[in-house]
Amino acid sequence: KSMSLEAYASSDLVERNYVTRLLTGKVSGELHEHDLDVAKEILRLKAVVGIYEDLQASMEHFDKYFAWSPETQDSIDCEASVIASGLVKDTLPPLDTGNPAYSYLVDANEYDIKLYDYAKNFLVPYQR
């Protein structure tokens, strides 16, 4: 069955705050600010966080945190390749924030967006 992005984004099929629900164990029902606070605390206490937009620094952080050290040139080349191939944002079309689908998805994922902002602005700088 074919469906436009707008139809999907406004339908019951779209995931709503998947990460917040995963962390809190609240798979159904309405989420509240308290649920977001719980998810933030779980991330702060239990997770090592990396951010895709800063993949190089995230990989360096993981290397340091887990005491990973490439032992061969192949290992070094592999990590460099992963980082280089992971940064494909320049090949994606620009995000159309005026599209109704964008608004629907933002509304459906309000707590995940706030959780991401928390991780990016507070956890990642603190972990380094």
C-alpha atoms as a PDB file:
ATOM      1  CA  LYS A   1       0.000   0.000   0.000  1.00  0.00           C
ATOM      2  CA  SER A   2       1.385   3.396  -1.000  1.00  0.00           C
ATOM      3  CA  MET A   3       1.209   6.303   1.441  1.00  0.00           C
ATOM      4  CA  SER A   4       2.583   9.833   1.291  1.00  0.00           C
ATOM      5  CA  LEU A   5       4.960  11.047   3.965  1.00  0.00           C
ATOM      6  CA  GLU A   6       2.319  13.491   5.172  1.00  0.00           C
ATOM      7  CA  ALA A   7      -0.295  10.731   5.460  1.00  0.00           C
ATOM      8  CA  TYR A   8       2.154   8.487   7.313  1.00  0.00           C
ATOM      9  CA  ALA A   9       3.311  11.259   9.654  1.00  0.00           C
ATOM     10  CA  SER A  10      -0.253  12.076  10.670  1.00  0.00           C
ATOM     11  CA  SER A  11      -1.355   8.432  10.976  1.00  0.00           C
ATOM     12  CA  ASP A  12      -1.383   6.002  13.886  1.00  0.00           C
ATOM     13  CA  LEU A  13       1.488   4.129  12.202  1.00  0.00           C
ATOM     14  CA  VAL A  14       4.148   6.685  13.114  1.00  0.00           C
ATOM     15  CA  GLU A  15       6.366   5.990  16.139  1.00  0.00           C
ATOM     16  CA  ARG A  16       5.838   8.466  18.944  1.00  0.00           C
ATOM     17  CA  ASN A  17       8.761   9.210  21.250  1.00  0.00           C
ATOM     18  CA  TYR A  18      10.309   5.777  20.730  1.00  0.00           C
ATOM     19  CA  VAL A  19      13.519   6.393  22.700  1.00  0.00           C
ATOM     20  CA  THR A  20      11.777   8.018  25.659  1.00  0.00           C
ATOM     21  CA  ARG A  21       9.333   5.116  25.786  1.00  0.00           C
ATOM     22  CA  LEU A  22      12.143   2.573  25.467  1.00  0.00           C
ATOM     23  CA  LEU A  23      14.121   4.084  28.331  1.00  0.00           C
ATOM     24  CA  THR A  24      11.150   4.533  30.656  1.00  0.00           C
ATOM     25  CA  GLY A  25       9.396   1.283  29.795  1.00  0.00           C
ATOM     26  CA  LYS A  26       6.214   3.242  29.116  1.00  0.00           C
ATOM     27  CA  VAL A  27       5.167   1.595  25.863  1.00  0.00           C
ATOM     28  CA  SER A  28       1.675   3.063  25.723  1.00  0.00           C
ATOM     29  CA  GLY A  29      -0.313   5.945  27.096  1.00  0.00           C
ATOM     30  CA  GLU A  30       0.464   9.610  27.235  1.00  0.00           C
ATOM     31  CA  LEU A  31       3.945  10.785  28.182  1.00  0.00           C
ATOM     32  CA  HIS A  32       4.567  13.660  30.585  1.00  0.00           C
ATOM     33  CA  GLU A  33       7.524  15.832  31.582  1.00  0.00           C
ATOM     34  CA  HIS A  34       8.203  13.423  34.450  1.00  0.00           C
ATOM     35  CA  ASP A  35       8.759  10.627  31.914  1.00  0.00           C
ATOM     36  CA  LEU A  36      11.256  12.837  30.097  1.00  0.00           C
ATOM     37  CA  ASP A  37      13.036  13.529  33.392  1.00  0.00           C
ATOM     38  CA  VAL A  38      13.253   9.784  34.065  1.00  0.00           C
ATOM     39  CA  ALA A  39      14.667   9.163  30.570  1.00  0.00           C
ATOM     40  CA  LYS A  40      17.257  11.927  31.068  1.00  0.00           C
ATOM     41  CA  GLU A  41      18.332  10.440  34.381  1.00  0.00           C
ATOM     42  CA  ILE A  42      18.644   6.964  32.876  1.00  0.00           C
ATOM     43  CA  LEU A  43      20.812   8.361  30.075  1.00  0.00           C
ATOM     44  CA  ARG A  44      22.931  10.314  32.548  1.00  0.00           C
ATOM     45  CA  LEU A  45      23.518   7.339  34.830  1.00  0.00           C
ATOM     46  CA  LYS A  46      23.549   4.363  32.475  1.00  0.00           C
ATOM     47  CA  ALA A  47      24.610   5.423  28.984  1.00  0.00           C
ATOM     48  CA  VAL A  48      27.685   6.458  27.106  1.00  0.00           C
ATOM     49  CA  VAL A  49      26.396   8.949  24.566  1.00  0.00           C
ATOM     50  CA  GLY A  50      27.731   9.921  21.168  1.00  0.00           C
ATOM     51  CA  ILE A  51      26.258  12.339  18.663  1.00  0.00           C
ATOM     52  CA  TYR A  52      26.149  11.557  14.954  1.00  0.00           C
ATOM     53  CA  GLU A  53      26.846  15.164  13.949  1.00  0.00           C
ATOM     54  CA  ASP A  54      30.135  14.902  15.832  1.00  0.00           C
ATOM     55  CA  LEU A  55      30.974  11.326  14.878  1.00  0.00           C
ATOM     56  CA  GLN A  56      34.746  11.788  15.035  1.00  0.00           C
ATOM     57  CA  ALA A  57      34.678  13.130  18.599  1.00  0.00           C
ATOM     58  CA  SER A  58      32.106  10.516  19.608  1.00  0.00           C
ATOM     59  CA  MET A  59      34.308   7.692  18.325  1.00  0.00           C
ATOM     60  CA  GLU A  60      37.298   9.153  20.174  1.00  0.00           C
ATOM     61  CA  HIS A  61      35.192   9.316  23.341  1.00  0.00           C
ATOM     62  CA  PHE A  62      34.118   5.672  22.946  1.00  0.00           C
ATOM     63  CA  ASP A  63      37.747   4.651  22.353  1.00  0.00           C
ATOM     64  CA  LYS A  64      38.796   6.402  25.552  1.00  0.00           C
ATOM     65  CA  TYR A  65      35.826   5.295  27.676  1.00  0.00           C
ATOM     66  CA  PHE A  66      36.050   1.630  26.718  1.00  0.00           C
ATOM     67  CA  ALA A  67      39.868   1.682  26.592  1.00  0.00           C
ATOM     68  CA  TRP A  68      39.783   0.664  22.954  1.00  0.00           C
ATOM     69  CA  SER A  69      43.003   1.106  21.095  1.00  0.00           C
ATOM     70  CA  PRO A  70      43.507   0.092  17.509  1.00  0.00           C
ATOM     71  CA  GLU A  71      46.254  -2.477  17.458  1.00  0.00           C
ATOM     72  CA  THR A  72      46.875  -2.660  13.731  1.00  0.00           C
ATOM     73  CA  GLN A  73      46.846  -0.352  10.762  1.00  0.00           C
ATOM     74  CA  ASP A  74      43.787  -2.266   9.538  1.00  0.00           C
ATOM     75  CA  SER A  75      41.962  -1.300  12.749  1.00  0.00           C
ATOM     76  CA  ILE A  76      42.924   2.343  12.324  1.00  0.00           C
ATOM     77  CA  ASP A  77      41.854   2.295   8.668  1.00  0.00           C
ATOM     78  CA  CYS A  78      38.568   0.587   9.555  1.00  0.00           C
ATOM     79  CA  GLU A  79      37.657   3.243  12.124  1.00  0.00           C
ATOM     80  CA  ALA A  80      38.582   6.033   9.712  1.00  0.00           C
ATOM     81  CA  SER A  81      36.445   4.399   7.024  1.00  0.00           C
ATOM     82  CA  VAL A  82      33.456   4.094   9.366  1.00  0.00           C
ATOM     83  CA  ILE A  83      33.732   7.753  10.298  1.00  0.00           C
ATOM     84  CA  ALA A  84      34.162   8.887   6.698  1.00  0.00           C
ATOM     85  CA  SER A  85      31.294   6.783   5.366  1.00  0.00           C
ATOM     86  CA  GLY A  86      29.069   7.670   8.300  1.00  0.00           C
ATOM     87  CA  LEU A  87      29.085  11.345   7.493  1.00  0.00           C
ATOM     88  CA  VAL A  88      26.648  11.292   4.590  1.00  0.00           C
ATOM     89  CA  LYS A  89      24.617  14.348   5.558  1.00  0.00           C
ATOM     90  CA  ASP A  90      25.851  16.257   2.516  1.00  0.00           C
ATOM     91  CA  THR A  91      24.202  13.702   0.231  1.00  0.00           C
ATOM     92  CA  LEU A  92      20.759  14.090   1.785  1.00  0.00           C
ATOM     93  CA  PRO A  93      18.253  16.638   0.499  1.00  0.00           C
ATOM     94  CA  PRO A  94      17.742  19.660   2.735  1.00  0.00           C
ATOM     95  CA  LEU A  95      15.086  19.247   5.400  1.00  0.00           C
ATOM     96  CA  ASP A  96      11.871  21.090   4.533  1.00  0.00           C
ATOM     97  CA  THR A  97      10.731  22.440   7.890  1.00  0.00           C
ATOM     98  CA  GLY A  98       7.694  24.005   6.211  1.00  0.00           C
ATOM     99  CA  ASN A  99       6.340  20.611   5.163  1.00  0.00           C
ATOM    100  CA  PRO A 100       3.274  19.553   7.186  1.00  0.00           C
ATOM    101  CA  ALA A 101       4.882  16.117   7.688  1.00  0.00           C
ATOM    102  CA  TYR A 102       7.748  17.811   9.514  1.00  0.00           C
ATOM    103  CA  SER A 103       5.313  19.464  11.926  1.00  0.00           C
ATOM    104  CA  TYR A 104       3.456  16.200  12.496  1.00  0.00           C
ATOM    105  CA  LEU A 105       6.692  14.341  13.244  1.00  0.00           C
ATOM    106  CA  VAL A 106       7.960  17.073  15.575  1.00  0.00           C
ATOM    107  CA  ASP A 107       4.673  16.973  17.477  1.00  0.00           C
ATOM    108  CA  ALA A 108       4.712  13.161  17.629  1.00  0.00           C
ATOM    109  CA  ASN A 109       8.281  13.107  18.972  1.00  0.00           C
ATOM    110  CA  GLU A 110       8.361  16.084  21.310  1.00  0.00           C
ATOM    111  CA  TYR A 111       9.993  14.196  24.181  1.00  0.00           C
ATOM    112  CA  ASP A 112      12.557  12.403  22.011  1.00  0.00           C
ATOM    113  CA  ILE A 113      13.601  15.770  20.558  1.00  0.00           C
ATOM    114  CA  LYS A 114      14.008  17.205  24.052  1.00  0.00           C
ATOM    115  CA  LEU A 115      15.939  14.097  25.109  1.00  0.00           C
ATOM    116  CA  TYR A 116      18.257  14.462  22.110  1.00  0.00           C
ATOM    117  CA  ASP A 117      18.844  18.143  22.921  1.00  0.00           C
ATOM    118  CA  TYR A 118      19.660  17.184  26.514  1.00  0.00           C
ATOM    119  CA  ALA A 119      22.131  14.533  25.385  1.00  0.00           C
ATOM    120  CA  LYS A 120      23.759  16.800  22.824  1.00  0.00           C
ATOM    121  CA  ASN A 121      24.030  19.910  24.991  1.00  0.00           C
ATOM    122  CA  PHE A 122      24.590  18.496  28.471  1.00  0.00           C
ATOM    123  CA  LEU A 123      25.734  14.877  28.422  1.00  0.00           C
ATOM    124  CA  VAL A 124      28.174  14.891  25.522  1.00  0.00           C
ATOM    125  CA  PRO A 125      30.179  17.959  26.648  1.00  0.00           C
ATOM    126  CA  TYR A 126      30.221  16.630  30.229  1.00  0.00           C
ATOM    127  CA  GLN A 127      31.507  13.204  29.162  1.00  0.00           C
ATOM    128  CA  ARG A 128      34.522  14.656  27.379  1.00  0.00           C
END
